[in-house]
Protein backbone atom coordinates (compact mmCIF):
# COMPACT_ATOMS: atom_id res chain seq x y z
CA MET A 1 -9.08 -23.75 -25.20
CA GLN A 2 -7.54 -26.63 -27.86
CA ALA A 3 -4.66 -25.28 -29.59
CA THR A 4 -4.26 -26.07 -33.37
CA THR A 5 -1.57 -28.71 -34.88
CA PRO A 6 -0.20 -28.61 -38.30
CA GLN A 7 -1.67 -30.83 -40.57
CA HIS A 8 0.63 -34.31 -40.71
CA THR A 9 1.28 -35.67 -43.79
CA ARG A 10 2.05 -38.79 -45.28
CA SER A 11 5.74 -38.04 -45.94
CA ASP A 12 5.99 -36.23 -42.44
CA PHE A 13 4.56 -39.61 -41.06
CA LEU A 14 7.45 -42.00 -43.34
CA ILE A 15 10.44 -39.34 -42.16
CA ARG A 16 9.80 -40.10 -38.45
CA VAL A 17 8.98 -43.47 -38.28
CA ILE A 18 11.61 -44.97 -40.99
CA PRO A 19 14.28 -44.83 -38.50
CA PHE A 20 12.22 -46.19 -35.83
CA LEU A 21 11.12 -49.35 -38.07
CA MET A 22 14.64 -49.89 -38.91
CA ALA A 23 15.98 -49.69 -35.49
CA ALA A 24 12.73 -52.62 -34.40
CA LEU A 25 13.82 -54.66 -37.28
CA LEU A 26 17.24 -55.00 -36.37
CA ALA A 27 16.75 -55.11 -32.58
CA GLY A 28 14.43 -58.45 -33.57
CA MET A 29 10.94 -56.74 -33.45
CA ALA A 30 9.96 -56.60 -36.68
CA PRO A 31 6.70 -54.82 -37.32
CA ALA A 32 3.54 -56.04 -39.70
CA ALA A 33 4.83 -53.46 -42.24
CA TYR A 34 8.22 -55.68 -42.63
CA ALA A 35 6.02 -58.72 -43.04
CA SER A 36 3.94 -57.08 -45.79
CA THR A 37 6.74 -55.98 -47.92
CA HIS A 38 7.87 -59.75 -47.89
CA PRO A 39 4.75 -61.68 -49.48
CA ALA A 40 7.04 -65.41 -48.42
CA LYS A 41 6.56 -63.99 -44.75
CA ALA A 42 3.35 -62.00 -44.45
CA ALA A 43 1.23 -65.11 -44.54
CA THR A 44 2.82 -66.38 -41.41
CA ALA A 45 3.11 -62.81 -39.65
CA ALA A 46 1.62 -63.63 -36.16
CA ASN A 47 1.11 -60.05 -36.06
CA ALA A 48 -0.78 -59.02 -39.40
CA ILE A 49 -4.11 -57.67 -39.36
CA HIS A 50 -6.91 -57.50 -41.99
CA LEU A 51 -8.99 -54.58 -41.47
CA ALA A 52 -12.54 -55.34 -43.10
CA GLY A 53 -14.97 -52.56 -41.42
CA GLU A 54 -15.28 -50.34 -38.26
CA ALA A 55 -15.31 -53.47 -35.94
CA ASP A 56 -11.99 -54.12 -37.43
CA VAL A 57 -10.48 -50.99 -37.05
CA VAL A 58 -11.71 -50.83 -33.06
CA ILE A 59 -10.56 -54.17 -32.58
CA ALA A 60 -7.25 -53.73 -33.76
CA LEU A 61 -7.01 -50.39 -32.24
CA VAL A 62 -7.35 -52.19 -28.70
CA ALA A 63 -4.90 -54.57 -29.72
CA GLN A 64 -2.18 -51.94 -30.31
CA LEU A 65 -3.25 -49.92 -27.22
CA GLU A 66 -3.01 -53.63 -24.98
CA GLU A 67 0.46 -53.71 -26.88
CA ALA A 68 1.62 -50.29 -25.90
CA VAL A 69 0.37 -51.07 -22.34
CA ARG A 70 1.95 -54.11 -22.12
CA LEU A 71 5.36 -52.87 -23.15
CA SER A 72 4.91 -49.58 -20.95
CA SER A 73 4.16 -52.00 -18.02
CA THR A 74 7.28 -54.15 -18.69
CA MET A 75 9.30 -50.47 -19.00
CA ALA A 76 8.27 -49.20 -15.80
CA ALA A 77 8.68 -52.01 -13.70
CA THR A 78 12.43 -52.41 -14.87
CA SER A 79 14.13 -49.15 -15.36
CA ARG A 80 12.68 -46.16 -12.80
CA THR A 81 15.15 -43.95 -13.15
CA SER A 82 15.06 -43.63 -16.87
CA PRO A 83 13.44 -40.47 -18.44
CA LEU A 84 11.36 -42.85 -20.08
CA HIS A 85 9.77 -44.53 -16.70
CA GLY A 86 7.85 -41.41 -16.48
CA PHE A 87 6.63 -42.00 -19.98
CA ALA A 88 5.81 -45.50 -19.77
CA GLN A 89 3.70 -45.02 -16.23
CA LYS A 90 1.63 -41.89 -18.44
CA GLU A 91 1.19 -44.05 -21.28
CA ILE A 92 -0.29 -46.94 -19.39
CA LYS A 93 -3.00 -44.70 -17.78
CA LYS A 94 -4.13 -43.08 -20.65
CA ARG A 95 -3.96 -45.97 -23.06
CA THR A 96 -5.80 -48.01 -20.42
CA GLY A 97 -8.89 -45.49 -20.33
CA GLN A 98 -8.79 -45.32 -24.46
CA ILE A 99 -9.19 -49.24 -24.22
CA THR A 100 -11.91 -49.30 -21.54
CA GLN A 101 -13.75 -46.57 -23.81
CA LEU A 102 -13.26 -48.76 -27.18
CA ARG A 103 -14.65 -52.03 -25.23
CA LYS A 104 -17.55 -50.34 -24.20
CA TRP A 105 -17.97 -49.25 -27.54
CA CYS A 106 -17.40 -52.91 -28.57
CA ARG A 107 -20.27 -53.97 -26.42
CA ARG A 108 -22.58 -51.56 -27.48
CA TRP A 109 -22.14 -51.29 -31.38
CA PHE A 110 -20.44 -54.80 -32.50
CA ASP A 111 -21.66 -57.45 -29.81
CA ASP A 112 -18.69 -57.65 -27.89
CA SER A 113 -16.39 -58.34 -31.06
CA CYS A 114 -13.27 -57.26 -29.23
CA SER A 115 -13.28 -60.25 -27.14
CA LYS A 116 -11.08 -61.33 -30.00
CA ALA A 117 -8.25 -58.71 -29.52
CA ASP A 118 -5.12 -60.35 -28.24
CA ALA A 119 -2.11 -57.91 -27.80
CA ALA A 120 0.00 -60.26 -26.20
CA SER A 121 1.38 -61.81 -29.30
CA LEU A 122 1.90 -58.79 -30.85
CA THR A 123 6.02 -58.46 -30.60
CA GLN A 124 8.35 -61.54 -29.69
CA ASN A 125 10.77 -59.48 -27.42
CA THR A 126 10.38 -57.36 -24.40
CA PRO A 127 12.35 -54.01 -24.14
CA ILE A 128 14.95 -54.30 -21.54
CA ASN A 129 16.29 -50.76 -22.10
CA ASP A 130 15.48 -47.45 -23.30
CA LEU A 131 16.68 -48.05 -26.75
CA THR A 132 14.29 -51.04 -27.18
CA TYR A 133 11.49 -49.50 -25.44
CA ALA A 134 11.57 -46.28 -27.63
CA SER A 135 12.13 -48.61 -30.63
CA ALA A 136 9.09 -51.21 -29.91
CA MET A 137 6.94 -48.08 -28.91
CA SER A 138 7.49 -45.98 -32.39
CA ALA A 139 6.57 -49.14 -34.14
CA ASN A 140 3.58 -49.66 -32.26
CA HIS A 141 2.58 -46.00 -32.84
CA ALA A 142 3.29 -46.01 -36.34
CA ARG A 143 0.66 -49.46 -36.39
CA LEU A 144 -1.59 -47.31 -34.52
CA LEU A 145 -1.16 -44.42 -36.99
CA GLU A 146 -2.31 -47.12 -39.79
CA VAL A 147 -5.01 -48.50 -38.16
CA ILE A 148 -6.60 -44.94 -37.65
CA GLU A 149 -5.59 -43.84 -41.35
CA PHE A 150 -7.38 -46.83 -42.46
CA GLY A 151 -10.56 -45.92 -40.04
CA PHE A 152 -10.57 -42.76 -41.44
CA GLY A 153 -11.32 -43.56 -44.39
CA LEU A 154 -14.46 -45.81 -43.12
CA LYS A 155 -16.13 -42.77 -42.05
CA PRO A 156 -16.54 -44.25 -38.59
CA ARG A 157 -19.25 -42.66 -35.78
CA LYS A 158 -18.40 -39.61 -34.30
CA ALA A 159 -17.36 -40.40 -31.19
CA ALA A 160 -14.78 -43.26 -32.63
CA ARG A 161 -13.61 -40.52 -35.19
CA GLU A 162 -12.81 -38.39 -32.43
CA LEU A 163 -11.10 -41.04 -30.01
CA MET A 164 -8.95 -41.83 -33.02
CA GLU A 165 -8.04 -38.24 -33.89
CA GLN A 166 -7.03 -37.91 -30.13
CA ILE A 167 -5.10 -40.69 -30.36
CA GLN A 168 -3.64 -39.87 -33.72
CA LYS A 169 -2.53 -36.50 -32.39
CA GLU A 170 -0.84 -38.16 -28.91
CA SER A 171 0.86 -40.81 -31.57
CA TYR A 172 2.76 -37.96 -33.25
CA ASP A 173 3.80 -35.98 -30.40
CA GLU A 174 4.72 -39.46 -28.52
CA LEU A 175 6.87 -40.30 -31.86
CA ALA A 176 8.89 -37.21 -31.91
CA PHE A 177 9.69 -37.43 -28.30
CA LEU A 178 10.76 -41.44 -28.54
CA GLU A 179 12.77 -40.11 -31.33
CA GLN A 180 14.45 -37.78 -29.12
CA SER A 181 15.21 -40.33 -26.60
CA ALA A 182 16.48 -43.11 -28.72
CA GLY A 183 19.12 -40.63 -29.44
CA THR A 184 19.42 -38.65 -26.38
CA PRO A 185 19.30 -40.19 -22.80
CA ALA A 186 18.05 -36.76 -21.24
CA GLY A 187 14.48 -36.38 -23.38
CA ARG A 188 11.56 -35.44 -21.15
CA PRO A 189 8.01 -36.67 -21.75
CA PRO A 190 5.85 -34.71 -24.30
CA GLN A 191 3.83 -32.00 -23.01
CA SER A 192 -0.31 -32.17 -23.64
CA ARG A 193 -1.15 -28.99 -25.57
CA ASN A 194 -4.70 -28.99 -24.78
CA LYS A 195 -5.63 -28.94 -21.04
CA ARG A 196 -8.93 -30.38 -20.58
């Protein structure tokens, strides 16, 4: 049986994400949200995405999920004692499965246009400690939520909508954990509310 979760509003999202975006900016990991507020820099921002349709949403999701895997792989390899180590390992496994599913849909629905996705250039810095990892992952999850919000407006296919809803729920839950981890070293990874 699936537990119900409260609806998240835009203000809830902003309240939870803004501190991490600020930390990411201070750490030198400027997300595209920063670039979009500075028009002179927006034209040269390497990580700015422009979405025109469902295929672009899937491509953007793949890129953000690949970035989460890259960040988590680095964290898992460099920090074996941190509470975020276990979180990073779970993130790799979960996001890799989601990437695989999205790529299958790309081949079937969009003539494999997901091959354009390349997450390697999304962040300039590699996380070297808990704070930079939590900040980078928070910025990544904020971007995921932006892409998903846009995607919902397109009335995506049922399967894609269900996966986006799952990623959205996980992202909100993980943002709460990342917020706690950035402030206290004794944080624990979020527990799934629905057992499948």
